[in-house]
Amino acid sequence: MKIAVCEDEKVFYQELNHAIEEYSHLRGTDICTYYFENGHELLHSDQDYRLVFMDYELGDMNGIETARRLRENNKDITIIFLTGYPHVVFKSFEVNTFRFLVKPLKKPELFHALDAFFSTDDDDAYLSIPAQGETWKIRRTDIIYLEANRKRTVIRTDGQWLESTRNLSWYENELPKEDFLRVHKSYIAALRHIRNHTSNTILFDNGEQALIGRSYLSGFKTGFHHYILRSSKKDW
């Protein structure tokens, strides 16, 4: 899952990022953080974030205004405010903030906020993956593709690779076919992450590629066409 941190104090960001990495390891959750020094940088990002840690003081455009503009494009985004001034807590409620963390960072409060966020998110949107001796909880929309590796499966997300002990056929049955398609004996592609394709190759939005098997081509074209039609209707 992608998390944005909008914070002009780089030392504090590094501390926060280290704590988030620790949380990710303890909870077995795939988290990738993206750093922005000000609201303008965040608003111009083309990434899709589920959670944003927002500093209240951000120079010429403060956190409240940045959050307000973010919600114009994504009303479902979750925002946790960060500040060294507790008296501004009520101001942050103007943009429906989820939590409010006071600096300096207190790890138990951060972990509690993250636990609350994940507990309110839709469990059906996640996939549990046994990998590296642990079970990882990954948001399905973060999966770019899956690749067979003998009797195991490599799951590629925007943040990392995970090698699962389950085979590719298990994931083919588990993942929704309207969003994921088997395109080769060794690949399952996430349709939302496809940038373009030829008759034998898929290019994903992270720049990586997957092969299309000859026997899978017709089914892939049909499935991808239906996915594009559904996505277009959502835009309306």
C-alpha atoms as a PDB file:
ATOM      1  CA  MET A   1       0.000   0.000   0.000  1.00  0.00           C
ATOM      2  CA  LYS A   2       1.210   3.499  -0.845  1.00  0.00           C
ATOM      3  CA  ILE A   3       1.468   6.089   1.926  1.00  0.00           C
ATOM      4  CA  ALA A   4       2.385   9.723   1.315  1.00  0.00           C
ATOM      5  CA  VAL A   5       4.199  11.828   3.907  1.00  0.00           C
ATOM      6  CA  CYS A   6       3.967  15.595   3.395  1.00  0.00           C
ATOM      7  CA  GLU A   7       6.459  17.060   5.859  1.00  0.00           C
ATOM      8  CA  ASP A   8       9.015  19.864   5.534  1.00  0.00           C
ATOM      9  CA  GLU A   9      11.274  18.578   8.339  1.00  0.00           C
ATOM     10  CA  LYS A  10      13.334  15.846   6.704  1.00  0.00           C
ATOM     11  CA  VAL A  11      14.750  14.573  10.019  1.00  0.00           C
ATOM     12  CA  PHE A  12      11.229  14.032  11.331  1.00  0.00           C
ATOM     13  CA  TYR A  13      10.245  12.296   8.084  1.00  0.00           C
ATOM     14  CA  GLN A  14      13.171   9.888   8.451  1.00  0.00           C
ATOM     15  CA  GLU A  15      12.095   9.085  12.008  1.00  0.00           C
ATOM     16  CA  LEU A  16       8.498   8.572  10.907  1.00  0.00           C
ATOM     17  CA  ASN A  17       9.504   6.450   7.927  1.00  0.00           C
ATOM     18  CA  HIS A  18      11.680   4.223  10.118  1.00  0.00           C
ATOM     19  CA  ALA A  19       8.744   3.703  12.512  1.00  0.00           C
ATOM     20  CA  ILE A  20       6.393   2.887   9.603  1.00  0.00           C
ATOM     21  CA  GLU A  21       8.897   0.316   8.292  1.00  0.00           C
ATOM     22  CA  GLU A  22       9.002  -1.261  11.753  1.00  0.00           C
ATOM     23  CA  TYR A  23       5.211  -1.360  11.849  1.00  0.00           C
ATOM     24  CA  SER A  24       5.136  -2.924   8.380  1.00  0.00           C
ATOM     25  CA  HIS A  25       7.480  -5.695   9.482  1.00  0.00           C
ATOM     26  CA  LEU A  26       5.650  -6.366  12.763  1.00  0.00           C
ATOM     27  CA  ARG A  27       2.210  -6.500  11.136  1.00  0.00           C
ATOM     28  CA  GLY A  28       3.282  -8.231   7.922  1.00  0.00           C
ATOM     29  CA  THR A  29       1.810  -5.415   5.828  1.00  0.00           C
ATOM     30  CA  ASP A  30       3.290  -4.201   2.544  1.00  0.00           C
ATOM     31  CA  ILE A  31       3.780  -0.427   2.886  1.00  0.00           C
ATOM     32  CA  CYS A  32       5.709   1.917   0.598  1.00  0.00           C
ATOM     33  CA  THR A  33       6.151   5.567   1.649  1.00  0.00           C
ATOM     34  CA  TYR A  34       6.584   8.568  -0.657  1.00  0.00           C
ATOM     35  CA  TYR A  35       8.066  11.799   0.654  1.00  0.00           C
ATOM     36  CA  PHE A  36       6.952  15.349  -0.231  1.00  0.00           C
ATOM     37  CA  GLU A  37       8.421  18.527   1.240  1.00  0.00           C
ATOM     38  CA  ASN A  38       5.365  20.679   0.537  1.00  0.00           C
ATOM     39  CA  GLY A  39       1.750  20.559  -0.547  1.00  0.00           C
ATOM     40  CA  HIS A  40       2.469  21.583  -4.133  1.00  0.00           C
ATOM     41  CA  GLU A  41       4.670  18.507  -4.692  1.00  0.00           C
ATOM     42  CA  LEU A  42       2.019  16.209  -3.230  1.00  0.00           C
ATOM     43  CA  LEU A  43      -0.811  17.690  -5.285  1.00  0.00           C
ATOM     44  CA  HIS A  44       1.192  17.212  -8.492  1.00  0.00           C
ATOM     45  CA  SER A  45       1.928  13.546  -7.773  1.00  0.00           C
ATOM     46  CA  ASP A  46       0.283  11.083 -10.175  1.00  0.00           C
ATOM     47  CA  GLN A  47       0.286   8.257  -7.621  1.00  0.00           C
ATOM     48  CA  ASP A  48      -2.812   6.935  -5.827  1.00  0.00           C
ATOM     49  CA  TYR A  49      -2.458   7.066  -2.016  1.00  0.00           C
ATOM     50  CA  ARG A  50      -4.796   5.507   0.525  1.00  0.00           C
ATOM     51  CA  LEU A  51      -3.236   7.319   3.485  1.00  0.00           C
ATOM     52  CA  VAL A  52      -1.445  10.657   3.880  1.00  0.00           C
ATOM     53  CA  PHE A  53       0.528  11.899   6.878  1.00  0.00           C
ATOM     54  CA  MET A  54       0.177  15.674   6.654  1.00  0.00           C
ATOM     55  CA  ASP A  55       2.225  18.286   8.478  1.00  0.00           C
ATOM     56  CA  TYR A  56       0.069  21.213   9.576  1.00  0.00           C
ATOM     57  CA  GLU A  57       2.730  23.868   8.876  1.00  0.00           C
ATOM     58  CA  LEU A  58       3.879  23.733   5.238  1.00  0.00           C
ATOM     59  CA  GLY A  59       5.028  27.194   4.232  1.00  0.00           C
ATOM     60  CA  ASP A  60       2.939  29.109   1.699  1.00  0.00           C
ATOM     61  CA  MET A  61       0.191  26.434   1.591  1.00  0.00           C
ATOM     62  CA  ASN A  62      -0.559  24.823   4.943  1.00  0.00           C
ATOM     63  CA  GLY A  63      -1.725  21.287   5.587  1.00  0.00           C
ATOM     64  CA  ILE A  64      -5.400  22.240   5.854  1.00  0.00           C
ATOM     65  CA  GLU A  65      -5.451  23.809   2.392  1.00  0.00           C
ATOM     66  CA  THR A  66      -3.420  20.929   0.920  1.00  0.00           C
ATOM     67  CA  ALA A  67      -5.843  18.403   2.436  1.00  0.00           C
ATOM     68  CA  ARG A  68      -8.828  20.356   1.114  1.00  0.00           C
ATOM     69  CA  ARG A  69      -7.448  20.236  -2.432  1.00  0.00           C
ATOM     70  CA  LEU A  70      -6.595  16.546  -2.108  1.00  0.00           C
ATOM     71  CA  ARG A  71     -10.197  15.773  -1.210  1.00  0.00           C
ATOM     72  CA  GLU A  72     -11.422  17.521  -4.345  1.00  0.00           C
ATOM     73  CA  ASN A  73      -9.909  14.639  -6.353  1.00  0.00           C
ATOM     74  CA  ASN A  74     -10.176  11.814  -3.820  1.00  0.00           C
ATOM     75  CA  LYS A  75     -12.879  12.067  -1.177  1.00  0.00           C
ATOM     76  CA  ASP A  76     -11.981   8.673   0.281  1.00  0.00           C
ATOM     77  CA  ILE A  77      -8.350   9.480   1.084  1.00  0.00           C
ATOM     78  CA  THR A  78      -7.424   9.101   4.767  1.00  0.00           C
ATOM     79  CA  ILE A  79      -5.452  11.934   6.375  1.00  0.00           C
ATOM     80  CA  ILE A  80      -3.477  11.871   9.617  1.00  0.00           C
ATOM     81  CA  PHE A  81      -2.233  15.294  10.703  1.00  0.00           C
ATOM     82  CA  LEU A  82       1.159  15.917  12.292  1.00  0.00           C
ATOM     83  CA  THR A  83       2.001  19.015  14.301  1.00  0.00           C
ATOM     84  CA  GLY A  84       3.972  20.373  17.224  1.00  0.00           C
ATOM     85  CA  TYR A  85       1.032  22.632  18.174  1.00  0.00           C
ATOM     86  CA  PRO A  86      -1.802  20.686  19.862  1.00  0.00           C
ATOM     87  CA  HIS A  87      -4.140  23.700  19.843  1.00  0.00           C
ATOM     88  CA  VAL A  88      -4.711  23.346  16.067  1.00  0.00           C
ATOM     89  CA  VAL A  89      -6.353  19.933  16.443  1.00  0.00           C
ATOM     90  CA  PHE A  90      -9.892  21.307  16.021  1.00  0.00           C
ATOM     91  CA  LYS A  91      -8.884  23.195  12.886  1.00  0.00           C
ATOM     92  CA  SER A  92      -7.876  19.899  11.245  1.00  0.00           C
ATOM     93  CA  PHE A  93     -11.414  18.539  11.573  1.00  0.00           C
ATOM     94  CA  GLU A  94     -12.480  20.927   8.810  1.00  0.00           C
ATOM     95  CA  VAL A  95     -11.089  18.419   6.319  1.00  0.00           C
ATOM     96  CA  ASN A  96     -12.361  15.311   8.109  1.00  0.00           C
ATOM     97  CA  THR A  97      -9.009  14.190   9.473  1.00  0.00           C
ATOM     98  CA  PHE A  98      -8.771  10.570  10.648  1.00  0.00           C
ATOM     99  CA  ARG A  99      -6.234  11.039  13.449  1.00  0.00           C
ATOM    100  CA  PHE A 100      -4.048  13.776  14.911  1.00  0.00           C
ATOM    101  CA  LEU A 101      -0.483  13.019  16.071  1.00  0.00           C
ATOM    102  CA  VAL A 102       1.459  15.553  18.112  1.00  0.00           C
ATOM    103  CA  LYS A 103       5.216  15.928  17.636  1.00  0.00           C
ATOM    104  CA  PRO A 104       7.623  14.639  18.812  1.00  0.00           C
ATOM    105  CA  LEU A 105       6.666  11.247  17.407  1.00  0.00           C
ATOM    106  CA  LYS A 106       5.425   8.650  19.879  1.00  0.00           C
ATOM    107  CA  LYS A 107       5.636   5.201  18.347  1.00  0.00           C
ATOM    108  CA  PRO A 108       2.742   3.615  20.332  1.00  0.00           C
ATOM    109  CA  GLU A 109       0.414   6.409  19.177  1.00  0.00           C
ATOM    110  CA  LEU A 110       1.544   5.978  15.575  1.00  0.00           C
ATOM    111  CA  PHE A 111       1.023   2.204  15.699  1.00  0.00           C
ATOM    112  CA  HIS A 112      -2.410   2.680  17.263  1.00  0.00           C
ATOM    113  CA  ALA A 113      -3.391   5.082  14.476  1.00  0.00           C
ATOM    114  CA  LEU A 114      -2.192   2.679  11.778  1.00  0.00           C
ATOM    115  CA  ASP A 115      -4.018  -0.238  13.428  1.00  0.00           C
ATOM    116  CA  ALA A 116      -7.199   1.850  13.457  1.00  0.00           C
ATOM    117  CA  PHE A 117      -6.769   2.734   9.796  1.00  0.00           C
ATOM    118  CA  PHE A 118      -6.293  -0.882   8.689  1.00  0.00           C
ATOM    119  CA  SER A 119      -9.161  -2.122  10.870  1.00  0.00           C
ATOM    120  CA  THR A 120     -11.593   0.275   9.192  1.00  0.00           C
ATOM    121  CA  ASP A 121     -10.438  -0.556   5.671  1.00  0.00           C
ATOM    122  CA  ASP A 122     -12.285  -3.209   3.677  1.00  0.00           C
ATOM    123  CA  ASP A 123     -10.814  -6.657   4.362  1.00  0.00           C
ATOM    124  CA  ASP A 124     -12.071  -7.874   0.979  1.00  0.00           C
ATOM    125  CA  ALA A 125      -9.683  -5.381  -0.647  1.00  0.00           C
ATOM    126  CA  TYR A 126      -6.680  -7.273   0.723  1.00  0.00           C
ATOM    127  CA  LEU A 127      -4.959 -10.537  -0.061  1.00  0.00           C
ATOM    128  CA  SER A 128      -3.112 -12.574   2.567  1.00  0.00           C
ATOM    129  CA  ILE A 129       0.158 -13.915   1.201  1.00  0.00           C
ATOM    130  CA  PRO A 130       2.379 -16.473   2.956  1.00  0.00           C
ATOM    131  CA  ALA A 131       5.926 -15.371   2.136  1.00  0.00           C
ATOM    132  CA  GLN A 132       9.357 -15.416   3.744  1.00  0.00           C
ATOM    133  CA  GLY A 133       8.102 -17.247   6.813  1.00  0.00           C
ATOM    134  CA  GLU A 134       5.381 -14.653   7.488  1.00  0.00           C
ATOM    135  CA  THR A 135       1.893 -13.778   6.279  1.00  0.00           C
ATOM    136  CA  TRP A 136       1.694 -10.449   4.449  1.00  0.00           C
ATOM    137  CA  LYS A 137      -1.515  -8.473   3.994  1.00  0.00           C
ATOM    138  CA  ILE A 138      -1.377  -6.703   0.617  1.00  0.00           C
ATOM    139  CA  ARG A 139      -3.965  -4.459  -0.946  1.00  0.00           C
ATOM    140  CA  ARG A 140      -5.103  -6.067  -4.197  1.00  0.00           C
ATOM    141  CA  THR A 141      -4.941  -2.808  -6.129  1.00  0.00           C
ATOM    142  CA  ASP A 142      -1.207  -2.587  -5.291  1.00  0.00           C
ATOM    143  CA  ILE A 143      -0.471  -5.871  -7.117  1.00  0.00           C
ATOM    144  CA  ILE A 144       0.986  -5.231 -10.589  1.00  0.00           C
ATOM    145  CA  TYR A 145       1.513  -8.809 -11.725  1.00  0.00           C
ATOM    146  CA  LEU A 146       2.231 -12.340 -10.461  1.00  0.00           C
ATOM    147  CA  GLU A 147       4.877 -14.619 -11.929  1.00  0.00           C
ATOM    148  CA  ALA A 148       5.307 -18.374 -11.507  1.00  0.00           C
ATOM    149  CA  ASN A 149       8.595 -19.535 -10.008  1.00  0.00           C
ATOM    150  CA  ARG A 150       8.433 -23.338 -10.112  1.00  0.00           C
ATOM    151  CA  LYS A 151       5.897 -24.270  -7.395  1.00  0.00           C
ATOM    152  CA  ARG A 152       5.995 -20.784  -5.886  1.00  0.00           C
ATOM    153  CA  THR A 153       4.711 -17.391  -7.034  1.00  0.00           C
ATOM    154  CA  VAL A 154       6.435 -14.013  -7.098  1.00  0.00           C
ATOM    155  CA  ILE A 155       4.001 -11.161  -6.398  1.00  0.00           C
ATOM    156  CA  ARG A 156       5.134  -7.778  -7.726  1.00  0.00           C
ATOM    157  CA  THR A 157       3.738  -4.664  -6.080  1.00  0.00           C
ATOM    158  CA  ASP A 158       4.773  -1.052  -6.462  1.00  0.00           C
ATOM    159  CA  GLY A 159       6.888  -1.378  -3.334  1.00  0.00           C
ATOM    160  CA  GLN A 160       8.508  -4.804  -3.529  1.00  0.00           C
ATOM    161  CA  TRP A 161       8.572  -8.435  -4.653  1.00  0.00           C
ATOM    162  CA  LEU A 162       7.234 -11.196  -2.417  1.00  0.00           C
ATOM    163  CA  GLU A 163       7.792 -14.897  -3.094  1.00  0.00           C
ATOM    164  CA  SER A 164       4.761 -16.860  -1.955  1.00  0.00           C
ATOM    165  CA  THR A 165       4.712 -20.561  -1.138  1.00  0.00           C
ATOM    166  CA  ARG A 166       1.447 -20.917  -3.098  1.00  0.00           C
ATOM    167  CA  ASN A 167       1.480 -21.690  -6.824  1.00  0.00           C
ATOM    168  CA  LEU A 168       0.151 -19.426  -9.577  1.00  0.00           C
ATOM    169  CA  SER A 169      -3.007 -21.493 -10.129  1.00  0.00           C
ATOM    170  CA  TRP A 170      -4.068 -20.859  -6.530  1.00  0.00           C
ATOM    171  CA  TYR A 171      -3.902 -17.091  -7.114  1.00  0.00           C
ATOM    172  CA  GLU A 172      -5.714 -17.442 -10.440  1.00  0.00           C
ATOM    173  CA  ASN A 173      -8.677 -18.948  -8.568  1.00  0.00           C
ATOM    174  CA  GLU A 174      -8.460 -16.512  -5.640  1.00  0.00           C
ATOM    175  CA  LEU A 175      -8.191 -13.187  -7.482  1.00  0.00           C
ATOM    176  CA  PRO A 176     -11.259 -11.587  -9.152  1.00  0.00           C
ATOM    177  CA  LYS A 177     -11.180 -12.300 -12.889  1.00  0.00           C
ATOM    178  CA  GLU A 178     -12.652  -8.912 -13.727  1.00  0.00           C
ATOM    179  CA  ASP A 179      -9.434  -7.332 -12.406  1.00  0.00           C
ATOM    180  CA  PHE A 180      -6.760 -10.045 -12.889  1.00  0.00           C
ATOM    181  CA  LEU A 181      -6.195 -12.261 -15.923  1.00  0.00           C
ATOM    182  CA  ARG A 182      -3.943 -15.225 -16.627  1.00  0.00           C
ATOM    183  CA  VAL A 183      -2.059 -14.064 -19.724  1.00  0.00           C
ATOM    184  CA  HIS A 184       0.644 -16.735 -19.899  1.00  0.00           C
ATOM    185  CA  LYS A 185       1.433 -20.018 -18.198  1.00  0.00           C
ATOM    186  CA  SER A 186       3.822 -18.000 -16.018  1.00  0.00           C
ATOM    187  CA  TYR A 187       1.966 -14.681 -15.579  1.00  0.00           C
ATOM    188  CA  ILE A 188      -1.195 -13.158 -14.119  1.00  0.00           C
ATOM    189  CA  ALA A 189      -1.626  -9.465 -14.969  1.00  0.00           C
ATOM    190  CA  ALA A 190      -3.450  -6.805 -12.952  1.00  0.00           C
ATOM    191  CA  LEU A 191      -5.534  -5.010 -15.569  1.00  0.00           C
ATOM    192  CA  ARG A 192      -5.511  -1.644 -13.763  1.00  0.00           C
ATOM    193  CA  HIS A 193      -1.705  -1.459 -14.070  1.00  0.00           C
ATOM    194  CA  ILE A 194      -1.468  -2.146 -17.824  1.00  0.00           C
ATOM    195  CA  ARG A 195      -0.159   0.826 -19.802  1.00  0.00           C
ATOM    196  CA  ASN A 196      -0.295  -0.809 -23.242  1.00  0.00           C
ATOM    197  CA  HIS A 197       0.302  -4.144 -24.972  1.00  0.00           C
ATOM    198  CA  THR A 198       1.221  -5.852 -28.226  1.00  0.00           C
ATOM    199  CA  SER A 199       0.152  -9.310 -29.390  1.00  0.00           C
ATOM    200  CA  ASN A 200       2.798 -10.929 -27.188  1.00  0.00           C
ATOM    201  CA  THR A 201       3.902  -8.412 -24.526  1.00  0.00           C
ATOM    202  CA  ILE A 202       2.281  -6.332 -21.785  1.00  0.00           C
ATOM    203  CA  LEU A 203       3.846  -3.098 -20.518  1.00  0.00           C
ATOM    204  CA  PHE A 204       2.891  -2.157 -16.948  1.00  0.00           C
ATOM    205  CA  ASP A 205       2.789   1.324 -15.422  1.00  0.00           C
ATOM    206  CA  ASN A 206       5.995   0.643 -13.453  1.00  0.00           C
ATOM    207  CA  GLY A 207       7.920   0.033 -16.699  1.00  0.00           C
ATOM    208  CA  GLU A 208       8.127  -3.767 -16.352  1.00  0.00           C
ATOM    209  CA  GLN A 209       6.788  -6.296 -18.851  1.00  0.00           C
ATOM    210  CA  ALA A 210       5.062  -9.665 -18.983  1.00  0.00           C
ATOM    211  CA  LEU A 211       4.598 -12.122 -21.826  1.00  0.00           C
ATOM    212  CA  ILE A 212       1.253 -13.022 -23.403  1.00  0.00           C
ATOM    213  CA  GLY A 213       0.933 -16.679 -24.349  1.00  0.00           C
ATOM    214  CA  ARG A 214      -0.566 -17.452 -27.753  1.00  0.00           C
ATOM    215  CA  SER A 215      -3.374 -19.533 -26.257  1.00  0.00           C
ATOM    216  CA  TYR A 216      -4.221 -16.743 -23.779  1.00  0.00           C
ATOM    217  CA  LEU A 217      -4.295 -13.847 -26.266  1.00  0.00           C
ATOM    218  CA  SER A 218      -7.966 -13.981 -27.249  1.00  0.00           C
ATOM    219  CA  GLY A 219      -9.179 -14.216 -23.643  1.00  0.00           C
ATOM    220  CA  PHE A 220      -6.855 -11.410 -22.615  1.00  0.00           C
ATOM    221  CA  LYS A 221      -8.089  -9.058 -25.352  1.00  0.00           C
ATOM    222  CA  THR A 222     -11.719  -9.721 -24.426  1.00  0.00           C
ATOM    223  CA  GLY A 223     -11.135  -9.340 -20.694  1.00  0.00           C
ATOM    224  CA  PHE A 224      -9.051  -6.176 -21.066  1.00  0.00           C
ATOM    225  CA  HIS A 225     -11.650  -4.640 -23.399  1.00  0.00           C
ATOM    226  CA  HIS A 226     -14.423  -5.292 -20.865  1.00  0.00           C
ATOM    227  CA  TYR A 227     -12.232  -3.827 -18.091  1.00  0.00           C
ATOM    228  CA  ILE A 228     -11.726  -0.601 -20.069  1.00  0.00           C
ATOM    229  CA  LEU A 229     -15.477  -0.317 -20.678  1.00  0.00           C
ATOM    230  CA  ARG A 230     -16.226  -0.755 -16.957  1.00  0.00           C
ATOM    231  CA  SER A 231     -13.576   1.808 -16.024  1.00  0.00           C
ATOM    232  CA  SER A 232     -15.000   4.323 -18.512  1.00  0.00           C
ATOM    233  CA  LYS A 233     -18.486   3.960 -17.013  1.00  0.00           C
ATOM    234  CA  LYS A 234     -17.090   4.659 -13.527  1.00  0.00           C
ATOM    235  CA  ASP A 235     -15.675   7.940 -14.785  1.00  0.00           C
ATOM    236  CA  TRP A 236     -19.185   9.020 -15.747  1.00  0.00           C
END
